[in-house]
Amino acid sequence: MNHAAAERVCFVLRLKPHRVEEYVAAHEHVWPDMLAALRDAGWRNYSLFVRADDGLVVGYLETDDFQAALTAMAATDVNARWQAAMADFFENPPGVQPDQAMRPLTEYFHLD
């Protein structure tokens, strides 16, 4: 598989500021089946960053097709369980899971 043409995806989410430490702690031991599902769905070089004072989360990943990677994850049971477990950490409208709130930012510069 040629990863040279991979999409670089950056997105932002918003945590409830008083839940940041607990959210970060929850990621110290991500479920092995969740990690496997992400890899199987084509998520590569996936990183999360947080700004602790206001709960801003910045995510970055590389994939061949972001929409296909989201769709593949949405089809897994482990993703449904993970999203349900993480939902209360986020400032999203009721019924909107964290993965549904991801909105990619537009890349306008990349230094190769």
C-alpha atoms as a PDB file:
ATOM      1  CA  MET A   1       0.000   0.000   0.000  1.00  0.00           C
ATOM      2  CA  ASN A   2       1.393   3.415  -0.975  1.00  0.00           C
ATOM      3  CA  HIS A   3       1.046   5.825   1.932  1.00  0.00           C
ATOM      4  CA  ALA A   4       2.626   8.715   0.026  1.00  0.00           C
ATOM      5  CA  ALA A   5      -0.805   9.988  -1.046  1.00  0.00           C
ATOM      6  CA  ALA A   6      -2.338   9.570   2.401  1.00  0.00           C
ATOM      7  CA  GLU A   7      -4.732  12.197   3.669  1.00  0.00           C
ATOM      8  CA  ARG A   8      -3.418  14.127   6.644  1.00  0.00           C
ATOM      9  CA  VAL A   9      -6.409  14.915   8.830  1.00  0.00           C
ATOM     10  CA  CYS A  10      -6.494  17.352  11.727  1.00  0.00           C
ATOM     11  CA  PHE A  11      -9.642  17.943  13.752  1.00  0.00           C
ATOM     12  CA  VAL A  12     -10.719  19.672  16.948  1.00  0.00           C
ATOM     13  CA  LEU A  13     -13.119  18.663  19.701  1.00  0.00           C
ATOM     14  CA  ARG A  14     -14.008  20.297  23.008  1.00  0.00           C
ATOM     15  CA  LEU A  15     -13.843  18.552  26.377  1.00  0.00           C
ATOM     16  CA  LYS A  16     -15.595  19.722  29.497  1.00  0.00           C
ATOM     17  CA  PRO A  17     -12.676  21.520  31.201  1.00  0.00           C
ATOM     18  CA  HIS A  18     -13.317  19.897  34.585  1.00  0.00           C
ATOM     19  CA  ARG A  19     -13.050  16.413  32.957  1.00  0.00           C
ATOM     20  CA  VAL A  20      -9.710  16.869  31.143  1.00  0.00           C
ATOM     21  CA  GLU A  21      -7.546  14.962  33.626  1.00  0.00           C
ATOM     22  CA  GLU A  22      -9.965  12.043  33.775  1.00  0.00           C
ATOM     23  CA  TYR A  23     -10.239  11.935  29.962  1.00  0.00           C
ATOM     24  CA  VAL A  24      -6.454  11.901  29.560  1.00  0.00           C
ATOM     25  CA  ALA A  25      -6.198   9.143  32.185  1.00  0.00           C
ATOM     26  CA  ALA A  26      -8.755   7.075  30.242  1.00  0.00           C
ATOM     27  CA  HIS A  27      -6.346   7.071  27.304  1.00  0.00           C
ATOM     28  CA  GLU A  28      -3.459   5.589  29.289  1.00  0.00           C
ATOM     29  CA  HIS A  29      -4.925   2.146  28.632  1.00  0.00           C
ATOM     30  CA  VAL A  30      -6.956   2.251  25.427  1.00  0.00           C
ATOM     31  CA  TRP A  31      -8.682  -1.086  24.904  1.00  0.00           C
ATOM     32  CA  PRO A  32      -6.608  -3.410  22.687  1.00  0.00           C
ATOM     33  CA  ASP A  33      -9.653  -4.182  20.511  1.00  0.00           C
ATOM     34  CA  MET A  34     -10.174  -0.438  19.972  1.00  0.00           C
ATOM     35  CA  LEU A  35      -6.548   0.008  18.908  1.00  0.00           C
ATOM     36  CA  ALA A  36      -6.869  -2.955  16.531  1.00  0.00           C
ATOM     37  CA  ALA A  37     -10.108  -1.584  15.078  1.00  0.00           C
ATOM     38  CA  LEU A  38      -8.504   1.803  14.406  1.00  0.00           C
ATOM     39  CA  ARG A  39      -5.562   0.165  12.642  1.00  0.00           C
ATOM     40  CA  ASP A  40      -7.853  -2.160  10.668  1.00  0.00           C
ATOM     41  CA  ALA A  41      -9.973   0.828   9.577  1.00  0.00           C
ATOM     42  CA  GLY A  42      -6.889   2.560   8.179  1.00  0.00           C
ATOM     43  CA  TRP A  43      -6.059   5.085  10.927  1.00  0.00           C
ATOM     44  CA  ARG A  44      -2.290   5.650  10.945  1.00  0.00           C
ATOM     45  CA  ASN A  45      -0.036   7.982  12.882  1.00  0.00           C
ATOM     46  CA  TYR A  46      -3.030   8.913  15.068  1.00  0.00           C
ATOM     47  CA  SER A  47      -2.308  11.411  17.847  1.00  0.00           C
ATOM     48  CA  LEU A  48      -4.412  13.411  20.280  1.00  0.00           C
ATOM     49  CA  PHE A  49      -3.334  16.640  21.971  1.00  0.00           C
ATOM     50  CA  VAL A  50      -5.158  18.560  24.689  1.00  0.00           C
ATOM     51  CA  ARG A  51      -5.042  22.071  26.047  1.00  0.00           C
ATOM     52  CA  ALA A  52      -5.804  21.461  29.708  1.00  0.00           C
ATOM     53  CA  ASP A  53      -7.046  24.908  30.676  1.00  0.00           C
ATOM     54  CA  ASP A  54     -10.063  24.949  28.347  1.00  0.00           C
ATOM     55  CA  GLY A  55     -10.444  21.366  27.092  1.00  0.00           C
ATOM     56  CA  LEU A  56      -9.489  21.902  23.463  1.00  0.00           C
ATOM     57  CA  VAL A  57      -8.593  18.557  21.848  1.00  0.00           C
ATOM     58  CA  VAL A  58      -6.658  18.463  18.586  1.00  0.00           C
ATOM     59  CA  GLY A  59      -6.491  15.173  16.744  1.00  0.00           C
ATOM     60  CA  TYR A  60      -4.215  14.205  13.879  1.00  0.00           C
ATOM     61  CA  LEU A  61      -4.145  11.094  11.728  1.00  0.00           C
ATOM     62  CA  GLU A  62      -3.149   9.860   8.336  1.00  0.00           C
ATOM     63  CA  THR A  63      -5.356   7.604   6.260  1.00  0.00           C
ATOM     64  CA  ASP A  64      -6.009   6.759   2.641  1.00  0.00           C
ATOM     65  CA  ASP A  65      -9.644   7.934   2.851  1.00  0.00           C
ATOM     66  CA  PHE A  66     -10.926   9.685   5.981  1.00  0.00           C
ATOM     67  CA  GLN A  67     -14.602   9.165   5.258  1.00  0.00           C
ATOM     68  CA  ALA A  68     -13.995   5.452   4.630  1.00  0.00           C
ATOM     69  CA  ALA A  69     -11.965   5.229   7.859  1.00  0.00           C
ATOM     70  CA  LEU A  70     -14.806   6.872   9.837  1.00  0.00           C
ATOM     71  CA  THR A  71     -17.367   4.582   8.220  1.00  0.00           C
ATOM     72  CA  ALA A  72     -15.284   1.482   8.978  1.00  0.00           C
ATOM     73  CA  MET A  73     -14.969   2.489  12.637  1.00  0.00           C
ATOM     74  CA  ALA A  74     -18.676   3.310  12.916  1.00  0.00           C
ATOM     75  CA  ALA A  75     -19.442  -0.253  11.842  1.00  0.00           C
ATOM     76  CA  THR A  76     -17.586  -1.788  14.799  1.00  0.00           C
ATOM     77  CA  ASP A  77     -19.070  -2.726  18.148  1.00  0.00           C
ATOM     78  CA  VAL A  78     -15.944  -1.611  19.990  1.00  0.00           C
ATOM     79  CA  ASN A  79     -16.280   1.910  18.578  1.00  0.00           C
ATOM     80  CA  ALA A  80     -19.884   2.143  19.772  1.00  0.00           C
ATOM     81  CA  ARG A  81     -18.788   1.071  23.253  1.00  0.00           C
ATOM     82  CA  TRP A  82     -15.813   3.465  23.298  1.00  0.00           C
ATOM     83  CA  GLN A  83     -17.859   6.435  22.078  1.00  0.00           C
ATOM     84  CA  ALA A  84     -20.512   5.744  24.712  1.00  0.00           C
ATOM     85  CA  ALA A  85     -17.831   5.552  27.417  1.00  0.00           C
ATOM     86  CA  MET A  86     -16.237   8.845  26.275  1.00  0.00           C
ATOM     87  CA  ALA A  87     -19.376  10.856  25.431  1.00  0.00           C
ATOM     88  CA  ASP A  88     -19.803  12.533  28.820  1.00  0.00           C
ATOM     89  CA  PHE A  89     -16.311  14.037  28.657  1.00  0.00           C
ATOM     90  CA  PHE A  90     -17.235  16.230  25.679  1.00  0.00           C
ATOM     91  CA  GLU A  91     -19.169  19.442  25.188  1.00  0.00           C
ATOM     92  CA  ASN A  92     -21.332  18.100  22.345  1.00  0.00           C
ATOM     93  CA  PRO A  93     -25.053  18.504  21.765  1.00  0.00           C
ATOM     94  CA  PRO A  94     -27.130  15.685  23.309  1.00  0.00           C
ATOM     95  CA  GLY A  95     -26.954  12.505  21.247  1.00  0.00           C
ATOM     96  CA  VAL A  96     -23.814  13.524  19.335  1.00  0.00           C
ATOM     97  CA  GLN A  97     -20.955  11.113  19.969  1.00  0.00           C
ATOM     98  CA  PRO A  98     -17.358  12.429  19.897  1.00  0.00           C
ATOM     99  CA  ASP A  99     -16.545  10.728  16.591  1.00  0.00           C
ATOM    100  CA  GLN A 100     -19.618  12.347  15.030  1.00  0.00           C
ATOM    101  CA  ALA A 101     -18.406  15.801  16.120  1.00  0.00           C
ATOM    102  CA  MET A 102     -15.060  15.516  14.301  1.00  0.00           C
ATOM    103  CA  ARG A 103     -14.799  18.176  11.652  1.00  0.00           C
ATOM    104  CA  PRO A 104     -11.525  18.176   9.731  1.00  0.00           C
ATOM    105  CA  LEU A 105      -9.637  21.428   9.457  1.00  0.00           C
ATOM    106  CA  THR A 106      -8.493  22.591   6.025  1.00  0.00           C
ATOM    107  CA  GLU A 107      -4.798  22.009   5.451  1.00  0.00           C
ATOM    108  CA  TYR A 108      -3.319  25.030   3.720  1.00  0.00           C
ATOM    109  CA  PHE A 109       0.427  24.434   4.180  1.00  0.00           C
ATOM    110  CA  HIS A 110       2.645  21.394   4.601  1.00  0.00           C
ATOM    111  CA  LEU A 111       6.435  21.397   4.765  1.00  0.00           C
ATOM    112  CA  ASP A 112       7.715  18.229   3.134  1.00  0.00           C
END
